C-alpha atoms as a PDB file:
ATOM      1  CA  MET A   1     108.646 102.536 112.277  1.00  0.00           C
ATOM      2  CA  ASN A   2     107.279 105.137 109.864  1.00  0.00           C
ATOM      3  CA  SER A   3     103.800 106.433 110.459  1.00  0.00           C
ATOM      4  CA  ASP A   4     101.401 107.686 107.855  1.00  0.00           C
ATOM      5  CA  LEU A   5     102.350 111.242 108.886  1.00  0.00           C
ATOM      6  CA  THR A   6     105.053 111.120 106.214  1.00  0.00           C
ATOM      7  CA  GLU A   7     102.306 110.936 103.586  1.00  0.00           C
ATOM      8  CA  LEU A   8     101.682 114.639 104.258  1.00  0.00           C
ATOM      9  CA  ALA A   9     103.549 117.208 102.178  1.00  0.00           C
ATOM     10  CA  ASN A  10     106.447 118.732 104.125  1.00  0.00           C
ATOM     11  CA  VAL A  11     106.503 115.905 106.719  1.00  0.00           C
ATOM     12  CA  GLY A  12     109.531 113.670 106.503  1.00  0.00           C
ATOM     13  CA  ARG A  13     110.862 111.255 109.084  1.00  0.00           C
ATOM     14  CA  ALA A  14     112.415 113.997 111.234  1.00  0.00           C
ATOM     15  CA  VAL A  15     109.185 115.997 111.476  1.00  0.00           C
ATOM     16  CA  ALA A  16     107.212 112.801 112.050  1.00  0.00           C
ATOM     17  CA  ARG A  17     109.494 112.131 115.044  1.00  0.00           C
ATOM     18  CA  TYR A  18     108.609 115.556 116.472  1.00  0.00           C
ATOM     19  CA  PHE A  19     104.928 114.660 116.192  1.00  0.00           C
ATOM     20  CA  GLU A  20     105.552 111.233 117.717  1.00  0.00           C
ATOM     21  CA  SER A  21     107.359 112.846 120.664  1.00  0.00           C
ATOM     22  CA  ILE A  22     104.001 114.329 121.713  1.00  0.00           C
ATOM     23  CA  GLY A  23     101.919 111.251 120.974  1.00  0.00           C
ATOM     24  CA  ILE A  24     100.756 112.139 117.460  1.00  0.00           C
ATOM     25  CA  THR A  25     101.378 109.082 115.306  1.00  0.00           C
ATOM     26  CA  ALA A  26      98.660 109.265 112.641  1.00  0.00           C
ATOM     27  CA  ILE A  27      97.130 111.851 110.327  1.00  0.00           C
ATOM     28  CA  ALA A  28      93.727 111.118 111.867  1.00  0.00           C
ATOM     29  CA  GLN A  29      94.929 112.693 115.139  1.00  0.00           C
ATOM     30  CA  LEU A  30      95.598 116.097 113.570  1.00  0.00           C
ATOM     31  CA  PRO A  31      92.179 117.523 112.608  1.00  0.00           C
ATOM     32  CA  GLY A  32      91.010 120.076 115.150  1.00  0.00           C
ATOM     33  CA  GLN A  33      94.452 120.441 116.738  1.00  0.00           C
ATOM     34  CA  ASP A  34      95.925 123.898 117.407  1.00  0.00           C
ATOM     35  CA  PRO A  35      99.234 124.069 115.491  1.00  0.00           C
ATOM     36  CA  VAL A  36     100.746 126.544 117.976  1.00  0.00           C
ATOM     37  CA  ASP A  37      99.890 124.215 120.858  1.00  0.00           C
ATOM     38  CA  LEU A  38     101.421 121.251 119.016  1.00  0.00           C
ATOM     39  CA  TYR A  39     104.601 123.242 118.329  1.00  0.00           C
ATOM     40  CA  GLU A  40     104.820 124.384 121.960  1.00  0.00           C
ATOM     41  CA  ARG A  41     104.368 120.788 123.138  1.00  0.00           C
ATOM     42  CA  MET A  42     107.098 119.636 120.734  1.00  0.00           C
ATOM     43  CA  SER A  43     109.449 122.305 122.049  1.00  0.00           C
ATOM     44  CA  ALA A  44     108.681 121.318 125.650  1.00  0.00           C
ATOM     45  CA  ALA A  45     109.249 117.646 124.849  1.00  0.00           C
ATOM     46  CA  HIS A  46     112.690 118.494 123.459  1.00  0.00           C
ATOM     47  CA  GLY A  47     113.578 120.884 126.259  1.00  0.00           C
ATOM     48  CA  THR A  48     114.283 123.786 123.917  1.00  0.00           C
ATOM     49  CA  ARG A  49     112.492 126.206 121.633  1.00  0.00           C
ATOM     50  CA  LEU A  50     112.506 124.450 118.270  1.00  0.00           C
ATOM     51  CA  ASP A  51     113.017 126.217 114.947  1.00  0.00           C
ATOM     52  CA  PRO A  52     109.927 128.354 114.310  1.00  0.00           C
ATOM     53  CA  CYS A  53     109.817 127.065 110.733  1.00  0.00           C
ATOM     54  CA  LEU A  54     108.682 123.766 112.268  1.00  0.00           C
ATOM     55  CA  LEU A  55     105.461 125.575 113.166  1.00  0.00           C
ATOM     56  CA  ASP A  56     104.976 126.347 109.459  1.00  0.00           C
ATOM     57  CA  THR A  57     105.188 122.617 108.768  1.00  0.00           C
ATOM     58  CA  VAL A  58     102.812 121.791 111.625  1.00  0.00           C
ATOM     59  CA  MET A  59     100.310 124.318 110.272  1.00  0.00           C
ATOM     60  CA  SER A  60     100.604 122.698 106.843  1.00  0.00           C
ATOM     61  CA  ALA A  61     100.088 119.215 108.277  1.00  0.00           C
ATOM     62  CA  VAL A  62      96.985 120.200 110.244  1.00  0.00           C
ATOM     63  CA  ASP A  63      95.512 121.956 107.200  1.00  0.00           C
ATOM     64  CA  GLN A  64      96.073 118.872 105.039  1.00  0.00           C
ATOM     65  CA  ALA A  65      94.631 116.574 107.693  1.00  0.00           C
ATOM     66  CA  GLU A  66      91.538 118.786 107.725  1.00  0.00           C
ATOM     67  CA  GLY A  67      91.139 118.370 103.960  1.00  0.00           C
ATOM     68  CA  ARG A  68      92.745 121.555 102.681  1.00  0.00           C
ATOM     69  CA  PRO A  69      95.195 121.330  99.773  1.00  0.00           C
ATOM     70  CA  ALA A  70      98.863 120.604 100.353  1.00  0.00           C
ATOM     71  CA  ARG A  71     100.948 123.769 100.232  1.00  0.00           C
ATOM     72  CA  PRO A  72     104.678 124.359 100.717  1.00  0.00           C
ATOM     73  CA  TRP A  73     105.612 124.998 104.342  1.00  0.00           C
ATOM     74  CA  TRP A  74     106.734 128.561 103.516  1.00  0.00           C
ATOM     75  CA  HIS A  75     103.165 129.395 102.506  1.00  0.00           C
ATOM     76  CA  TYR A  76     102.474 129.532 106.266  1.00  0.00           C
ATOM     77  CA  THR A  77     105.381 131.780 107.314  1.00  0.00           C
ATOM     78  CA  GLN A  78     103.395 135.034 107.454  1.00  0.00           C
ATOM     79  CA  ASP A  79     100.576 133.354 109.400  1.00  0.00           C
ATOM     80  CA  ARG A  80     103.114 131.840 111.803  1.00  0.00           C
ATOM     81  CA  LYS A  81     104.766 135.195 112.428  1.00  0.00           C
ATOM     82  CA  ARG A  82     101.369 136.737 113.151  1.00  0.00           C
ATOM     83  CA  LEU A  83     100.366 133.876 115.468  1.00  0.00           C
ATOM     84  CA  LEU A  84     103.608 133.990 117.427  1.00  0.00           C
ATOM     85  CA  ALA A  85     103.338 137.761 117.801  1.00  0.00           C
ATOM     86  CA  GLU A  86      99.853 137.262 119.301  1.00  0.00           C
ATOM     87  CA  THR A  87     100.873 134.382 121.603  1.00  0.00           C
ATOM     88  CA  PRO A  88     102.163 135.404 125.045  1.00  0.00           C
ATOM     89  CA  ALA A  89     105.667 134.120 125.694  1.00  0.00           C
END
């Protein structure tokens, strides 16, 4: 069953499944969420560190859910690299 998450730019069925694996099934659940936390939870749910580019997509989805314009996932790459450098491993 597809959720409305796929209405977001950059979120297809595969990314929607990552969100669903941590209980996020609707756009309305994303505002106020920490993208790094969501990504870490997704990685934990899958038992492995997921591709860091997924974090770019998560950042994009949260921004859109909070009313900011849709941007390509790669728009977030520099921010993601900065955030991961600041986050303790």
